[in-house]
Protein backbone atom coordinates (compact mmCIF):
# COMPACT_ATOMS: atom_id res chain seq x y z
CA MET A 1 -114.11 -225.57 -37.90
CA SER A 2 -117.15 -223.38 -37.64
CA SER A 3 -116.51 -220.76 -40.31
CA VAL A 4 -117.51 -221.31 -43.93
CA LEU A 5 -114.89 -220.33 -46.46
CA MET A 6 -115.86 -219.10 -49.88
CA LEU A 7 -119.14 -220.97 -50.30
CA HIS A 8 -119.11 -220.22 -54.03
CA GLN A 9 -115.98 -222.42 -54.31
CA PRO A 10 -116.96 -226.09 -53.71
CA GLU A 11 -113.38 -227.26 -53.13
CA LEU A 12 -112.94 -225.00 -50.12
CA ARG A 13 -116.33 -226.04 -48.78
CA ASP A 14 -115.29 -229.70 -49.05
CA GLU A 15 -112.03 -229.03 -47.25
CA LEU A 16 -113.85 -227.50 -44.32
CA ALA A 17 -116.30 -230.40 -44.33
CA ASP A 18 -113.33 -232.76 -43.98
CA ALA A 19 -112.10 -230.76 -41.00
CA LYS A 20 -115.52 -230.91 -39.34
CA SER A 21 -115.64 -234.67 -39.77
CA GLY A 22 -112.35 -234.99 -37.92
CA THR A 23 -110.11 -235.78 -40.90
CA PRO A 24 -106.71 -234.15 -40.29
CA LEU A 25 -105.90 -231.64 -43.03
CA ARG A 26 -102.15 -232.25 -42.85
CA PRO A 27 -101.20 -230.42 -46.07
CA TYR A 28 -103.09 -227.34 -44.89
CA VAL A 29 -102.54 -227.00 -41.17
CA CYS A 30 -99.42 -228.98 -40.30
CA GLY A 31 -96.41 -226.67 -40.24
CA ALA A 32 -94.51 -228.77 -42.76
CA SER A 33 -92.03 -226.06 -43.64
CA LEU A 34 -91.34 -225.39 -39.96
CA VAL A 35 -90.75 -229.09 -39.43
CA VAL A 36 -88.16 -229.02 -42.22
CA VAL A 37 -86.48 -226.04 -40.56
CA SER A 38 -86.56 -227.83 -37.21
CA VAL A 39 -84.90 -230.90 -38.68
CA ALA A 40 -82.23 -228.73 -40.29
CA VAL A 41 -81.54 -226.98 -36.98
CA LEU A 42 -81.46 -230.35 -35.23
CA VAL A 43 -78.90 -231.74 -37.69
CA CYS A 44 -76.75 -228.61 -37.41
CA GLY A 45 -76.88 -228.81 -33.63
CA LEU A 46 -75.82 -232.46 -33.67
CA LEU A 47 -72.96 -231.70 -36.04
CA VAL A 48 -71.79 -228.88 -33.79
CA LEU A 49 -71.89 -231.19 -30.77
CA ARG A 50 -69.95 -233.81 -32.67
CA ASN A 51 -67.27 -231.67 -34.28
CA GLY A 52 -67.14 -228.49 -32.17
CA GLU A 53 -64.59 -227.71 -29.51
CA GLY A 54 -64.95 -225.73 -26.30
CA PRO A 55 -67.80 -225.24 -23.81
CA ALA A 56 -69.38 -222.32 -25.67
CA VAL A 57 -69.73 -224.38 -28.85
CA ALA A 58 -71.15 -227.29 -26.88
CA ILE A 59 -73.73 -225.06 -25.23
CA ALA A 60 -74.73 -223.57 -28.59
CA GLY A 61 -75.14 -227.02 -30.09
CA GLY A 62 -77.16 -228.25 -27.13
CA VAL A 63 -79.48 -225.26 -27.25
CA SER A 64 -80.04 -225.80 -30.97
CA VAL A 65 -80.94 -229.45 -30.45
CA ILE A 66 -83.34 -228.69 -27.59
CA ALA A 67 -85.01 -225.84 -29.50
CA ALA A 68 -85.48 -228.02 -32.58
CA LEU A 69 -86.98 -230.87 -30.57
CA LEU A 70 -89.37 -228.52 -28.76
CA LEU A 71 -90.52 -227.00 -32.05
CA LEU A 72 -91.09 -230.44 -33.55
CA LEU A 73 -93.11 -231.46 -30.51
CA ALA A 74 -95.17 -228.27 -30.72
CA MET A 75 -95.98 -228.89 -34.40
CA VAL A 76 -97.14 -232.44 -33.62
CA LEU A 77 -99.38 -231.22 -30.81
CA PHE A 78 -100.87 -228.50 -33.01
CA GLU A 79 -101.56 -231.00 -35.80
CA ARG A 80 -103.42 -233.29 -33.41
CA ARG A 81 -105.67 -230.39 -32.43
CA VAL A 82 -106.62 -229.48 -36.02
CA TRP A 83 -110.28 -230.51 -35.69
CA ASN A 84 -110.84 -228.51 -32.50
CA LEU A 85 -109.34 -225.10 -33.14
CA ALA A 86 -109.97 -222.04 -31.00
CA PRO A 87 -110.92 -218.74 -32.75
CA CYS A 88 -107.41 -217.34 -33.33
CA GLU A 89 -106.03 -220.60 -34.69
CA GLU A 90 -109.18 -221.22 -36.74
CA HIS A 91 -108.73 -217.86 -38.43
CA ILE A 92 -105.15 -218.61 -39.46
CA ALA A 93 -106.03 -222.18 -40.52
CA ASP A 94 -108.71 -220.76 -42.83
CA ALA A 95 -106.15 -218.33 -44.25
CA ILE A 96 -103.70 -221.17 -44.92
CA MET A 97 -106.36 -223.19 -46.75
CA LEU A 98 -107.44 -220.19 -48.81
CA ASN A 99 -103.90 -219.32 -49.87
CA ARG A 100 -103.11 -222.93 -50.75
CA HIS A 101 -106.30 -223.22 -52.77
CA ARG A 102 -105.62 -220.08 -54.80
CA ARG A 103 -101.89 -220.42 -55.37
CA LYS A 104 -102.18 -222.49 -58.58
CA TYR A 105 -104.60 -220.00 -60.12
CA TYR A 106 -102.31 -217.06 -59.31
CA ALA A 107 -99.31 -218.98 -60.65
CA GLN A 108 -101.10 -219.54 -63.96
CA VAL A 109 -102.00 -215.86 -64.30
CA THR A 110 -98.51 -214.61 -63.38
CA GLN A 111 -96.48 -217.26 -65.22
CA ASN A 112 -95.33 -218.72 -61.87
CA ALA A 113 -94.19 -215.35 -60.47
CA SER A 114 -96.55 -215.73 -57.50
CA TRP A 115 -95.18 -219.06 -56.20
CA LYS A 116 -92.59 -217.47 -53.91
CA LEU A 117 -95.19 -215.19 -52.32
CA SER A 118 -97.68 -218.02 -51.82
CA PHE A 119 -95.01 -220.13 -50.13
CA LEU A 120 -93.91 -217.23 -47.91
CA LEU A 121 -97.52 -216.49 -46.93
CA THR A 122 -98.38 -220.02 -45.83
CA THR A 123 -95.04 -220.47 -44.07
CA SER A 124 -95.46 -217.20 -42.17
CA GLU A 125 -99.02 -218.09 -41.21
CA ARG A 126 -97.89 -221.43 -39.83
CA ALA A 127 -95.13 -219.71 -37.89
CA LEU A 128 -97.78 -217.56 -36.17
CA ARG A 129 -99.64 -220.55 -34.75
CA PRO A 130 -97.69 -220.86 -31.46
CA THR A 131 -98.36 -217.18 -30.73
CA LEU A 132 -102.04 -217.56 -31.61
CA PHE A 133 -102.23 -220.62 -29.37
CA VAL A 134 -101.12 -218.46 -26.43
CA MET A 135 -103.60 -215.72 -27.39
CA ASP A 136 -106.46 -218.23 -27.50
CA ARG A 137 -105.67 -219.60 -24.05
CA LEU A 138 -105.43 -216.14 -22.46
CA ALA A 139 -108.53 -214.83 -24.25
CA ALA A 140 -110.56 -217.87 -23.15
CA ARG A 141 -109.66 -217.08 -19.55
CA CYS A 142 -110.81 -213.47 -19.96
CA ARG A 143 -114.07 -214.59 -21.58
CA ARG A 144 -114.80 -217.00 -18.73
CA ARG A 145 -114.32 -214.22 -16.17
CA ALA A 146 -116.43 -211.71 -18.11
CA ALA A 147 -119.82 -210.60 -16.84
CA PRO A 148 -122.81 -211.91 -18.84
CA GLY A 149 -123.58 -209.65 -21.79
CA SER A 150 -120.31 -207.72 -21.54
CA LYS A 151 -118.03 -206.88 -24.46
CA CYS A 152 -115.29 -209.08 -22.99
CA GLN A 153 -117.32 -212.17 -23.85
CA ASN A 154 -116.48 -211.49 -27.51
CA MET A 155 -112.76 -210.97 -26.99
CA LEU A 156 -110.68 -212.42 -29.84
CA THR A 157 -113.65 -214.25 -31.34
CA ASN A 158 -114.65 -214.60 -34.98
CA ASN A 159 -116.52 -211.68 -36.54
CA HIS A 160 -115.53 -209.42 -33.67
CA ASP A 161 -111.75 -209.08 -33.45
CA TRP A 162 -111.14 -211.64 -36.22
CA TYR A 163 -113.10 -211.50 -39.47
CA SER A 164 -114.21 -214.41 -41.63
CA MET A 165 -112.11 -215.42 -44.61
CA GLY A 166 -115.43 -216.07 -46.31
CA ASP A 167 -115.69 -212.31 -46.86
CA VAL A 168 -112.72 -212.11 -49.22
CA GLN A 169 -113.13 -211.13 -52.87
CA PRO A 170 -113.21 -213.69 -55.70
CA ARG A 171 -109.72 -214.55 -56.90
CA GLU A 172 -110.59 -213.57 -60.48
CA ARG A 173 -111.22 -209.92 -59.61
CA ALA A 174 -108.57 -207.77 -61.32
CA PRO A 175 -106.40 -205.39 -59.27
CA LYS A 176 -107.42 -201.74 -59.29
CA TYR A 177 -103.79 -200.59 -59.51
CA ARG A 178 -101.16 -202.33 -61.61
CA LYS A 179 -97.99 -200.44 -60.82
CA GLN A 180 -95.11 -201.32 -58.53
CA ALA A 181 -93.76 -199.03 -55.81
CA THR A 182 -90.30 -197.63 -56.42
CA ALA A 183 -87.44 -198.17 -53.98
CA GLU A 184 -87.86 -194.62 -52.69
CA GLU A 185 -91.60 -195.11 -52.19
CA ARG A 186 -90.93 -198.30 -50.22
CA ARG A 187 -88.38 -196.51 -48.05
CA ALA A 188 -90.86 -193.70 -47.40
CA MET A 189 -93.53 -196.21 -46.38
CA ARG A 190 -91.10 -197.92 -44.03
CA ARG A 191 -90.18 -194.61 -42.40
CA ALA A 192 -93.85 -193.74 -41.96
CA LEU A 193 -94.63 -197.10 -40.35
CA ARG A 194 -91.63 -196.84 -38.02
CA SER A 195 -92.93 -193.48 -36.85
CA PHE A 196 -96.40 -194.99 -36.41
CA THR A 197 -95.14 -197.94 -34.38
CA SER A 198 -93.00 -195.69 -32.17
CA ILE A 199 -96.00 -193.53 -31.28
CA CYS A 200 -98.20 -196.58 -30.69
CA CYS A 201 -95.61 -198.26 -28.46
CA GLY A 202 -95.57 -195.11 -26.37
CA GLY A 203 -99.34 -195.29 -26.05
CA LEU A 204 -99.22 -198.98 -25.16
CA SER A 205 -96.69 -198.40 -22.40
CA CYS A 206 -99.21 -196.03 -20.78
CA GLY A 207 -102.19 -198.28 -21.46
CA GLN A 208 -103.67 -195.67 -23.83
CA PHE A 209 -105.31 -197.85 -26.47
CA GLY A 210 -107.25 -194.88 -27.80
CA ILE A 211 -103.96 -193.38 -29.03
CA VAL A 212 -103.24 -196.53 -31.02
CA ALA A 213 -106.72 -196.49 -32.59
CA GLU A 214 -106.39 -192.81 -33.48
CA GLU A 215 -102.96 -193.29 -35.06
CA ALA A 216 -104.14 -196.38 -36.96
CA ALA A 217 -107.07 -194.44 -38.44
CA ARG A 218 -104.76 -191.61 -39.49
CA ALA A 219 -102.23 -194.03 -41.00
CA LEU A 220 -104.90 -195.93 -42.94
CA ARG A 221 -106.23 -192.76 -44.53
CA GLU A 222 -102.69 -191.76 -45.51
CA VAL A 223 -102.08 -195.17 -47.08
CA ASP A 224 -105.32 -194.84 -49.06
CA LEU A 225 -104.09 -191.52 -50.45
CA LEU A 226 -100.67 -192.99 -51.23
CA GLU A 227 -102.24 -195.89 -53.11
CA GLU A 228 -104.24 -193.51 -55.28
CA ARG A 229 -101.27 -191.25 -55.94
CA GLN A 230 -98.75 -194.03 -56.58
CA GLN A 231 -101.25 -196.34 -58.34
CA VAL A 232 -100.04 -199.31 -56.26
CA HIS A 233 -101.64 -201.59 -53.68
CA TRP A 234 -100.34 -201.80 -50.10
CA ALA A 235 -102.72 -204.64 -49.24
CA MET A 236 -100.82 -206.29 -46.38
CA VAL A 237 -99.87 -202.98 -44.78
CA LYS A 238 -103.53 -201.94 -44.79
CA HIS A 239 -104.71 -205.31 -43.49
CA VAL A 240 -102.38 -205.25 -40.49
CA LEU A 241 -103.20 -201.59 -39.79
CA GLU A 242 -106.93 -202.39 -39.84
CA SER A 243 -106.45 -205.38 -37.56
CA CYS A 244 -104.30 -203.37 -35.17
CA GLY A 245 -106.80 -200.51 -35.15
CA ILE A 246 -109.88 -202.65 -34.53
CA MET A 247 -108.13 -204.44 -31.67
CA ALA A 248 -107.10 -201.13 -30.11
CA LEU A 249 -110.63 -199.75 -30.49
CA HIS A 250 -112.17 -202.79 -28.83
CA SER A 251 -109.46 -202.85 -26.15
CA VAL A 252 -110.74 -199.54 -24.83
CA GLN A 253 -114.07 -201.25 -24.16
CA TYR A 254 -112.52 -204.46 -22.82
CA THR A 255 -110.27 -202.74 -20.31
CA THR A 256 -113.05 -200.42 -19.16
CA GLU A 257 -115.14 -203.46 -18.23
CA ASN A 258 -112.27 -205.63 -17.02
CA PRO A 259 -108.88 -204.00 -16.30
CA SER A 260 -107.25 -207.44 -15.99
CA CYS A 261 -107.52 -207.81 -19.79
CA LYS A 262 -105.08 -204.95 -20.34
CA THR A 263 -101.99 -207.17 -20.60
CA LEU A 264 -103.53 -209.45 -23.23
CA CYS A 265 -104.83 -206.50 -25.26
CA ALA A 266 -101.40 -204.88 -25.20
CA PHE A 267 -99.76 -208.16 -26.23
CA VAL A 268 -102.05 -208.63 -29.25
CA ILE A 269 -101.52 -205.05 -30.41
CA PHE A 270 -97.77 -205.31 -29.84
CA CYS A 271 -97.64 -208.37 -32.11
CA HIS A 272 -99.31 -206.32 -34.86
CA LEU A 273 -96.82 -203.50 -34.35
CA CYS A 274 -93.93 -205.95 -34.63
CA MET A 275 -95.26 -207.11 -38.00
CA LEU A 276 -95.52 -203.51 -39.21
CA ARG A 277 -92.02 -202.76 -37.94
CA SER A 278 -90.44 -205.79 -39.59
CA GLY A 279 -89.25 -205.86 -43.16
CA MET A 280 -91.33 -208.96 -43.92
CA ILE A 281 -94.50 -207.00 -44.53
CA PHE A 282 -92.77 -205.00 -47.27
CA VAL A 283 -91.62 -208.21 -48.91
CA PHE A 284 -95.25 -209.36 -49.02
CA ASP A 285 -96.46 -206.18 -50.70
CA HIS A 286 -93.42 -205.85 -52.97
CA TRP A 287 -93.85 -209.36 -54.35
CA ALA A 288 -97.62 -208.89 -54.55
CA GLN A 289 -97.17 -205.72 -56.61
CA GLU A 290 -95.11 -207.73 -59.11
CA CYS A 291 -98.14 -209.99 -59.53
CA HIS A 292 -100.51 -207.03 -59.78
CA CYS A 293 -98.57 -205.86 -62.83
CA LYS A 294 -99.43 -209.20 -64.43
CA GLY A 295 -103.15 -208.93 -63.60
CA ALA A 296 -103.41 -211.12 -60.48
CA ALA A 297 -104.77 -209.34 -57.39
CA ILE A 298 -103.02 -211.59 -54.89
CA LEU A 299 -103.35 -210.30 -51.29
CA VAL A 300 -105.86 -207.66 -52.43
CA ASN A 301 -108.48 -210.38 -52.93
CA ASP A 302 -107.22 -212.65 -50.16
CA VAL A 303 -107.70 -210.61 -46.97
CA PRO A 304 -111.13 -209.84 -45.48
CA HIS A 305 -112.28 -206.27 -45.05
CA ILE A 306 -112.05 -205.17 -41.42
CA PRO A 307 -114.56 -202.37 -40.66
CA PHE A 308 -112.17 -200.45 -38.44
CA LEU A 309 -112.61 -197.01 -39.98
CA GLU A 310 -116.39 -197.40 -40.03
CA GLU A 311 -116.46 -198.25 -36.31
CA TYR A 312 -113.92 -195.57 -35.47
CA ASP A 313 -115.83 -192.83 -37.33
CA ALA A 314 -119.12 -193.96 -35.77
CA LEU A 315 -117.65 -193.54 -32.28
CA GLN A 316 -116.34 -190.07 -33.13
CA THR A 317 -119.79 -188.76 -34.11
């Protein structure tokens, strides 16, 4: 790995040194939880094949077995590639290591209330690896075809579309807000994000990445105001909005230089919109807010700042 995580924390520095030396970091990068799920699906599929009756049941059991075996194979292949990660996978591997390193500290501060969130975070990050693998392969093709000195040469690279986990805040920093959003406030946030994703999907279908960037900037400013008014953190919502916005902003430049990159840009942004549309992101922030009430700024201190609004405002002037 080329990035340097949290240099003021020697343990993280040593973990990255192990990765550079070629030592597989199985506890950090191997999708252990996904392997467990795969085995469970495999066993269920075999039981269905053994005890089920009828062609439909047999087909369902067969599909389950095949899917489980393919997922297990994918996890093995990803683990073998741990010491030679492309930018997208490197970013998520750094995030997994950071969250695993900090989970004991957060558990101590919150009297173990943070364990479920830490587990969900690392499991979700591992589940993203197949998608990031595809993104890396497609982005590498676009970078190879890019003209020398063009913006496309930086597509989906670290410190351009992805930002270093070394820029996160120290884990000891206290949360600014220590309240928890009410059920009505969570419902209002979900309605707002559904409206946002609907507008952005319309822009994507027309290849108008500028619309997505504009809507992301507007949504981020509204979330900032909501945080101040509600005295709660929406850390994961803001992080995904920033990531979506910066990708949309850069996609305008990428597709201007190379129209063939449009499909990949739309795919990356669409993945962000799916995360915002899903209920999982609200689970992250809801559980994180429980920890904020106890004084642990989990998520708030664990995601890097993405300078989307700064770049967006600079382009508007």
